[in-house]
Amino acid sequence: MSMKLSFCCLLAAGLVAGCESECCKGQHKEHHQAKLQAQAKISEADARVTALAKVPDGTIKEAELEKEKGKLIWSFDIARPGTKDITEVNVNAVTGEIVAVDVETAKDQAKEKDEDERKEKKDKD
């Protein structure tokens, strides 16, 4: 009987620890984003205007504030009519200047998605 009770207690403790660590990861991500937001001098709305000026017929599908190659950037994935390609426009979040413009094919996007999923899975483990 005590063996079953010990096992149940260990199992319950493991479940609680797992839930807490997932909660902490979410809080860490939010804290990280808040730190990035505090460093940004250019708002997302202003950066959107800059990005869409490069792809005037496009629609922003995803926006993210991130550090890339040591620079704080707003990264926008912009879809264009008539193509499955995505134009990624990176706007410096401190100066407002365009840092990069890249066209990603459907194949590039799938590869990036796979890499992101692997990284996410690794971070969870």
N, C-alpha and C. Protein backbone atom coordinates (compact mmCIF):
# COMPACT_ATOMS: atom_id res chain seq x y z
N MET A 1 0.82 -1.19 0.00
CA MET A 1 0.00 0.00 0.00
C MET A 1 0.87 1.26 0.00
N SER A 2 1.90 1.30 0.82
CA SER A 2 2.73 2.49 0.89
C SER A 2 3.51 2.68 -0.42
N MET A 3 3.81 1.59 -1.12
CA MET A 3 4.49 1.69 -2.40
C MET A 3 3.59 2.40 -3.41
N LYS A 4 2.30 2.06 -3.45
CA LYS A 4 1.36 2.71 -4.35
C LYS A 4 1.20 4.18 -3.99
N LEU A 5 1.13 4.47 -2.70
CA LEU A 5 0.98 5.85 -2.25
C LEU A 5 2.22 6.67 -2.64
N SER A 6 3.39 6.10 -2.45
CA SER A 6 4.63 6.80 -2.82
C SER A 6 4.66 7.07 -4.33
N PHE A 7 4.28 6.08 -5.11
CA PHE A 7 4.25 6.24 -6.56
C PHE A 7 3.27 7.34 -6.97
N CYS A 8 2.09 7.35 -6.36
CA CYS A 8 1.09 8.37 -6.68
C CYS A 8 1.59 9.77 -6.31
N CYS A 9 2.26 9.87 -5.16
CA CYS A 9 2.80 11.17 -4.75
C CYS A 9 3.87 11.66 -5.72
N LEU A 10 4.74 10.75 -6.15
CA LEU A 10 5.78 11.12 -7.11
C LEU A 10 5.17 11.54 -8.44
N LEU A 11 4.17 10.79 -8.86
CA LEU A 11 3.50 11.12 -10.12
C LEU A 11 2.85 12.50 -10.04
N ALA A 12 2.15 12.77 -8.95
CA ALA A 12 1.50 14.06 -8.76
C ALA A 12 2.53 15.19 -8.72
N ALA A 13 3.64 14.96 -8.03
CA ALA A 13 4.69 15.98 -7.96
C ALA A 13 5.26 16.26 -9.34
N GLY A 14 5.45 15.22 -10.13
CA GLY A 14 5.96 15.40 -11.49
C GLY A 14 5.00 16.19 -12.36
N LEU A 15 3.71 15.92 -12.22
CA LEU A 15 2.72 16.66 -13.00
C LEU A 15 2.70 18.13 -12.62
N VAL A 16 2.76 18.40 -11.33
CA VAL A 16 2.76 19.79 -10.85
C VAL A 16 4.01 20.51 -11.36
N ALA A 17 5.17 19.86 -11.26
CA ALA A 17 6.41 20.47 -11.72
C ALA A 17 6.35 20.75 -13.21
N GLY A 18 5.80 19.82 -13.98
CA GLY A 18 5.67 20.02 -15.42
C GLY A 18 4.78 21.19 -15.76
N CYS A 19 3.67 21.32 -15.05
CA CYS A 19 2.76 22.43 -15.28
C CYS A 19 3.43 23.75 -14.91
N GLU A 20 4.15 23.77 -13.81
CA GLU A 20 4.81 25.00 -13.39
C GLU A 20 5.88 25.41 -14.40
N SER A 21 6.62 24.43 -14.93
CA SER A 21 7.68 24.80 -15.88
C SER A 21 7.08 25.37 -17.16
N GLU A 22 5.95 24.83 -17.64
CA GLU A 22 5.29 25.38 -18.83
C GLU A 22 4.81 26.79 -18.56
N CYS A 23 4.28 26.99 -17.35
CA CYS A 23 3.82 28.33 -16.96
C CYS A 23 5.00 29.29 -16.95
N CYS A 24 6.12 28.85 -16.39
CA CYS A 24 7.30 29.70 -16.32
C CYS A 24 7.83 30.03 -17.70
N LYS A 25 7.78 29.08 -18.63
CA LYS A 25 8.24 29.35 -20.00
C LYS A 25 7.40 30.45 -20.63
N GLY A 26 6.09 30.38 -20.42
CA GLY A 26 5.20 31.40 -20.95
C GLY A 26 5.48 32.76 -20.35
N GLN A 27 5.71 32.79 -19.05
CA GLN A 27 6.03 34.05 -18.37
C GLN A 27 7.38 34.57 -18.85
N HIS A 28 8.34 33.66 -19.04
CA HIS A 28 9.65 34.08 -19.52
C HIS A 28 9.55 34.72 -20.90
N LYS A 29 8.76 34.11 -21.77
CA LYS A 29 8.58 34.63 -23.13
C LYS A 29 7.93 36.02 -23.07
N GLU A 30 6.92 36.18 -22.22
CA GLU A 30 6.25 37.47 -22.07
C GLU A 30 7.23 38.52 -21.54
N HIS A 31 8.04 38.12 -20.55
CA HIS A 31 9.02 39.03 -19.97
C HIS A 31 10.05 39.44 -21.03
N HIS A 32 10.49 38.47 -21.83
CA HIS A 32 11.45 38.74 -22.90
C HIS A 32 10.87 39.74 -23.91
N GLN A 33 9.62 39.53 -24.30
CA GLN A 33 8.97 40.44 -25.25
C GLN A 33 8.82 41.84 -24.65
N ALA A 34 8.51 41.91 -23.35
CA ALA A 34 8.37 43.21 -22.69
C ALA A 34 9.71 43.96 -22.69
N LYS A 35 10.81 43.22 -22.48
CA LYS A 35 12.13 43.84 -22.51
C LYS A 35 12.44 44.38 -23.91
N LEU A 36 12.09 43.61 -24.94
CA LEU A 36 12.32 44.06 -26.31
C LEU A 36 11.48 45.29 -26.62
N GLN A 37 10.22 45.27 -26.19
CA GLN A 37 9.32 46.41 -26.41
C GLN A 37 9.88 47.68 -25.78
N ALA A 38 10.46 47.54 -24.58
CA ALA A 38 11.03 48.69 -23.89
C ALA A 38 12.22 49.29 -24.65
N GLN A 39 12.93 48.46 -25.39
CA GLN A 39 14.09 48.93 -26.15
C GLN A 39 13.71 49.56 -27.49
N ALA A 40 12.54 49.21 -28.00
CA ALA A 40 12.12 49.69 -29.32
C ALA A 40 11.74 51.17 -29.26
N LYS A 41 12.26 51.92 -30.20
CA LYS A 41 11.92 53.35 -30.31
C LYS A 41 10.84 53.55 -31.37
N ILE A 42 10.72 52.57 -32.26
CA ILE A 42 9.75 52.64 -33.35
C ILE A 42 8.59 51.71 -33.01
N SER A 43 7.37 52.22 -33.08
CA SER A 43 6.20 51.40 -32.76
C SER A 43 5.95 50.39 -33.88
N GLU A 44 5.21 49.36 -33.55
CA GLU A 44 4.85 48.38 -34.58
C GLU A 44 4.05 49.04 -35.69
N ALA A 45 3.15 49.94 -35.32
CA ALA A 45 2.32 50.61 -36.33
C ALA A 45 3.18 51.41 -37.31
N ASP A 46 4.18 52.14 -36.81
CA ASP A 46 5.05 52.92 -37.69
C ASP A 46 5.90 52.01 -38.56
N ALA A 47 6.39 50.92 -37.97
CA ALA A 47 7.20 49.96 -38.73
C ALA A 47 6.36 49.30 -39.82
N ARG A 48 5.09 49.04 -39.55
CA ARG A 48 4.18 48.46 -40.56
C ARG A 48 4.09 49.37 -41.78
N VAL A 49 3.93 50.67 -41.54
CA VAL A 49 3.83 51.63 -42.64
C VAL A 49 5.10 51.57 -43.49
N THR A 50 6.25 51.53 -42.83
CA THR A 50 7.53 51.46 -43.55
C THR A 50 7.62 50.18 -44.37
N ALA A 51 7.25 49.06 -43.76
CA ALA A 51 7.33 47.76 -44.45
C ALA A 51 6.40 47.71 -45.64
N LEU A 52 5.17 48.19 -45.45
CA LEU A 52 4.20 48.14 -46.56
C LEU A 52 4.56 49.10 -47.68
N ALA A 53 5.36 50.12 -47.40
CA ALA A 53 5.82 51.01 -48.47
C ALA A 53 6.74 50.25 -49.43
N LYS A 54 7.41 49.21 -48.93
CA LYS A 54 8.27 48.38 -49.77
C LYS A 54 7.47 47.38 -50.60
N VAL A 55 6.31 46.98 -50.08
CA VAL A 55 5.44 46.01 -50.76
C VAL A 55 4.02 46.58 -50.73
N PRO A 56 3.77 47.63 -51.51
CA PRO A 56 2.51 48.37 -51.41
C PRO A 56 1.25 47.56 -51.70
N ASP A 57 1.35 46.51 -52.49
CA ASP A 57 0.17 45.69 -52.79
C ASP A 57 0.03 44.51 -51.84
N GLY A 58 0.87 44.46 -50.79
CA GLY A 58 0.91 43.31 -49.90
C GLY A 58 0.00 43.43 -48.68
N THR A 59 -0.13 42.28 -48.02
CA THR A 59 -0.90 42.17 -46.78
C THR A 59 -0.01 41.52 -45.74
N ILE A 60 0.12 42.14 -44.58
CA ILE A 60 0.96 41.58 -43.52
C ILE A 60 0.26 40.36 -42.93
N LYS A 61 0.97 39.23 -42.96
CA LYS A 61 0.45 37.97 -42.42
C LYS A 61 0.97 37.71 -41.02
N GLU A 62 2.17 38.20 -40.72
CA GLU A 62 2.77 37.97 -39.41
C GLU A 62 3.74 39.10 -39.10
N ALA A 63 3.76 39.50 -37.82
CA ALA A 63 4.69 40.53 -37.37
C ALA A 63 5.32 40.07 -36.07
N GLU A 64 6.62 40.38 -35.92
CA GLU A 64 7.32 39.92 -34.74
C GLU A 64 8.44 40.91 -34.40
N LEU A 65 8.60 41.19 -33.12
CA LEU A 65 9.72 41.98 -32.64
C LEU A 65 10.77 41.01 -32.15
N GLU A 66 11.98 41.12 -32.69
CA GLU A 66 13.01 40.15 -32.34
C GLU A 66 14.40 40.75 -32.49
N LYS A 67 15.37 40.08 -31.87
CA LYS A 67 16.77 40.45 -32.07
C LYS A 67 17.33 39.51 -33.12
N GLU A 68 17.93 40.10 -34.13
CA GLU A 68 18.53 39.30 -35.20
C GLU A 68 19.86 39.94 -35.57
N LYS A 69 20.90 39.12 -35.50
CA LYS A 69 22.26 39.60 -35.80
C LYS A 69 22.61 40.82 -34.96
N GLY A 70 22.17 40.80 -33.70
CA GLY A 70 22.50 41.88 -32.77
C GLY A 70 21.64 43.13 -32.90
N LYS A 71 20.70 43.15 -33.83
CA LYS A 71 19.84 44.32 -34.03
C LYS A 71 18.41 44.00 -33.62
N LEU A 72 17.77 44.96 -33.00
CA LEU A 72 16.36 44.83 -32.65
C LEU A 72 15.54 45.23 -33.88
N ILE A 73 14.74 44.29 -34.36
CA ILE A 73 13.98 44.53 -35.59
C ILE A 73 12.51 44.16 -35.45
N TRP A 74 11.71 44.82 -36.24
CA TRP A 74 10.35 44.38 -36.51
C TRP A 74 10.43 43.56 -37.79
N SER A 75 9.99 42.32 -37.74
CA SER A 75 10.01 41.44 -38.90
C SER A 75 8.58 41.23 -39.38
N PHE A 76 8.34 41.52 -40.65
CA PHE A 76 7.00 41.38 -41.22
C PHE A 76 7.02 40.39 -42.37
N ASP A 77 6.11 39.43 -42.34
CA ASP A 77 5.89 38.52 -43.45
C ASP A 77 4.72 39.07 -44.24
N ILE A 78 4.98 39.42 -45.50
CA ILE A 78 3.98 40.10 -46.31
C ILE A 78 3.63 39.23 -47.53
N ALA A 79 2.34 38.93 -47.66
CA ALA A 79 1.84 38.16 -48.80
C ALA A 79 1.48 39.14 -49.91
N ARG A 80 1.71 38.70 -51.15
CA ARG A 80 1.37 39.51 -52.31
C ARG A 80 0.37 38.76 -53.18
N PRO A 81 -0.54 39.48 -53.81
CA PRO A 81 -1.51 38.81 -54.67
C PRO A 81 -0.83 38.12 -55.85
N GLY A 82 -1.36 36.95 -56.20
CA GLY A 82 -0.88 36.25 -57.38
C GLY A 82 0.36 35.39 -57.16
N THR A 83 0.82 35.28 -55.94
CA THR A 83 1.99 34.45 -55.66
C THR A 83 1.90 33.84 -54.26
N LYS A 84 2.53 32.69 -54.10
CA LYS A 84 2.59 32.06 -52.78
C LYS A 84 3.84 32.49 -52.03
N ASP A 85 4.71 33.24 -52.72
CA ASP A 85 5.92 33.74 -52.07
C ASP A 85 5.55 34.76 -50.99
N ILE A 86 6.41 34.85 -50.00
CA ILE A 86 6.25 35.82 -48.92
C ILE A 86 7.44 36.77 -48.99
N THR A 87 7.17 38.05 -48.88
CA THR A 87 8.25 39.03 -48.80
C THR A 87 8.44 39.37 -47.33
N GLU A 88 9.63 39.08 -46.82
CA GLU A 88 9.94 39.40 -45.43
C GLU A 88 10.67 40.74 -45.41
N VAL A 89 10.10 41.69 -44.68
CA VAL A 89 10.71 43.01 -44.55
C VAL A 89 11.08 43.22 -43.10
N ASN A 90 12.35 43.53 -42.86
CA ASN A 90 12.84 43.79 -41.51
C ASN A 90 13.11 45.28 -41.35
N VAL A 91 12.50 45.85 -40.31
CA VAL A 91 12.64 47.27 -40.02
C VAL A 91 13.35 47.42 -38.69
N ASN A 92 14.44 48.20 -38.67
CA ASN A 92 15.17 48.44 -37.43
C ASN A 92 14.21 49.11 -36.44
N ALA A 93 14.06 48.52 -35.26
CA ALA A 93 13.10 49.00 -34.26
C ALA A 93 13.61 50.19 -33.47
N VAL A 94 14.86 50.58 -33.72
CA VAL A 94 15.43 51.74 -33.05
C VAL A 94 15.48 52.94 -33.99
N THR A 95 15.89 52.70 -35.25
CA THR A 95 16.06 53.81 -36.21
C THR A 95 14.90 53.95 -37.19
N GLY A 96 14.14 52.86 -37.42
CA GLY A 96 13.05 52.89 -38.39
C GLY A 96 13.49 52.60 -39.81
N GLU A 97 14.79 52.34 -40.01
CA GLU A 97 15.30 52.05 -41.34
C GLU A 97 15.04 50.60 -41.73
N ILE A 98 14.88 50.35 -43.02
CA ILE A 98 14.73 48.99 -43.51
C ILE A 98 16.10 48.32 -43.47
N VAL A 99 16.16 47.18 -42.81
CA VAL A 99 17.40 46.43 -42.65
C VAL A 99 17.55 45.39 -43.76
N ALA A 100 16.45 44.74 -44.13
CA ALA A 100 16.51 43.69 -45.14
C ALA A 100 15.14 43.48 -45.77
N VAL A 101 15.18 43.04 -47.03
CA VAL A 101 13.98 42.63 -47.76
C VAL A 101 14.34 41.32 -48.45
N ASP A 102 13.63 40.25 -48.09
CA ASP A 102 13.90 38.94 -48.68
C ASP A 102 12.60 38.33 -49.17
N VAL A 103 12.68 37.65 -50.31
CA VAL A 103 11.52 36.92 -50.83
C VAL A 103 11.72 35.45 -50.49
N GLU A 104 10.73 34.87 -49.82
CA GLU A 104 10.78 33.46 -49.43
C GLU A 104 9.78 32.68 -50.27
N THR A 105 10.27 31.64 -50.94
CA THR A 105 9.39 30.77 -51.70
C THR A 105 8.63 29.85 -50.74
N ALA A 106 7.66 29.13 -51.26
CA ALA A 106 6.91 28.18 -50.44
C ALA A 106 7.86 27.14 -49.83
N LYS A 107 8.86 26.73 -50.59
CA LYS A 107 9.85 25.76 -50.10
C LYS A 107 10.65 26.36 -48.94
N ASP A 108 11.07 27.62 -49.09
CA ASP A 108 11.80 28.31 -48.01
C ASP A 108 10.95 28.40 -46.75
N GLN A 109 9.66 28.72 -46.93
CA GLN A 109 8.76 28.87 -45.80
C GLN A 109 8.59 27.55 -45.06
N ALA A 110 8.46 26.45 -45.81
CA ALA A 110 8.31 25.13 -45.19
C ALA A 110 9.55 24.77 -44.39
N LYS A 111 10.71 25.06 -44.96
CA LYS A 111 11.98 24.77 -44.27
C LYS A 111 12.07 25.59 -42.98
N GLU A 112 11.73 26.86 -43.04
CA GLU A 112 11.77 27.72 -41.86
C GLU A 112 10.79 27.24 -40.79
N LYS A 113 9.61 26.81 -41.23
CA LYS A 113 8.60 26.30 -40.29
C LYS A 113 9.13 25.06 -39.58
N ASP A 114 9.75 24.15 -40.33
CA ASP A 114 10.33 22.94 -39.73
C ASP A 114 11.40 23.29 -38.72
N GLU A 115 12.27 24.24 -39.07
CA GLU A 115 13.33 24.66 -38.15
C GLU A 115 12.75 25.27 -36.88
N ASP A 116 11.72 26.10 -37.02
CA ASP A 116 11.08 26.71 -35.86
C ASP A 116 10.43 25.66 -34.96
N GLU A 117 9.79 24.66 -35.58
CA GLU A 117 9.15 23.60 -34.80
C GLU A 117 10.18 22.77 -34.05
N ARG A 118 11.31 22.47 -34.70
CA ARG A 118 12.39 21.73 -34.03
C ARG A 118 12.95 22.52 -32.86
N LYS A 119 13.14 23.81 -33.08
CA LYS A 119 13.68 24.67 -32.01
C LYS A 119 12.69 24.74 -30.84
N GLU A 120 11.41 24.88 -31.16
CA GLU A 120 10.38 24.94 -30.13
C GLU A 120 10.35 23.64 -29.32
N LYS A 121 10.43 22.52 -30.02
CA LYS A 121 10.42 21.22 -29.36
C LYS A 121 11.64 21.08 -28.47
N LYS A 122 12.79 21.51 -28.95
CA LYS A 122 14.03 21.44 -28.17
C LYS A 122 13.92 22.32 -26.92
N ASP A 123 13.30 23.51 -27.06
CA ASP A 123 13.14 24.39 -25.92
C ASP A 123 12.22 23.79 -24.86
N LYS A 124 11.23 22.99 -25.30
CA LYS A 124 10.30 22.36 -24.36
C LYS A 124 10.97 21.23 -23.59
N ASP A 125 11.92 20.54 -24.24
CA ASP A 125 12.61 19.41 -23.60
C ASP A 125 13.66 19.87 -22.63
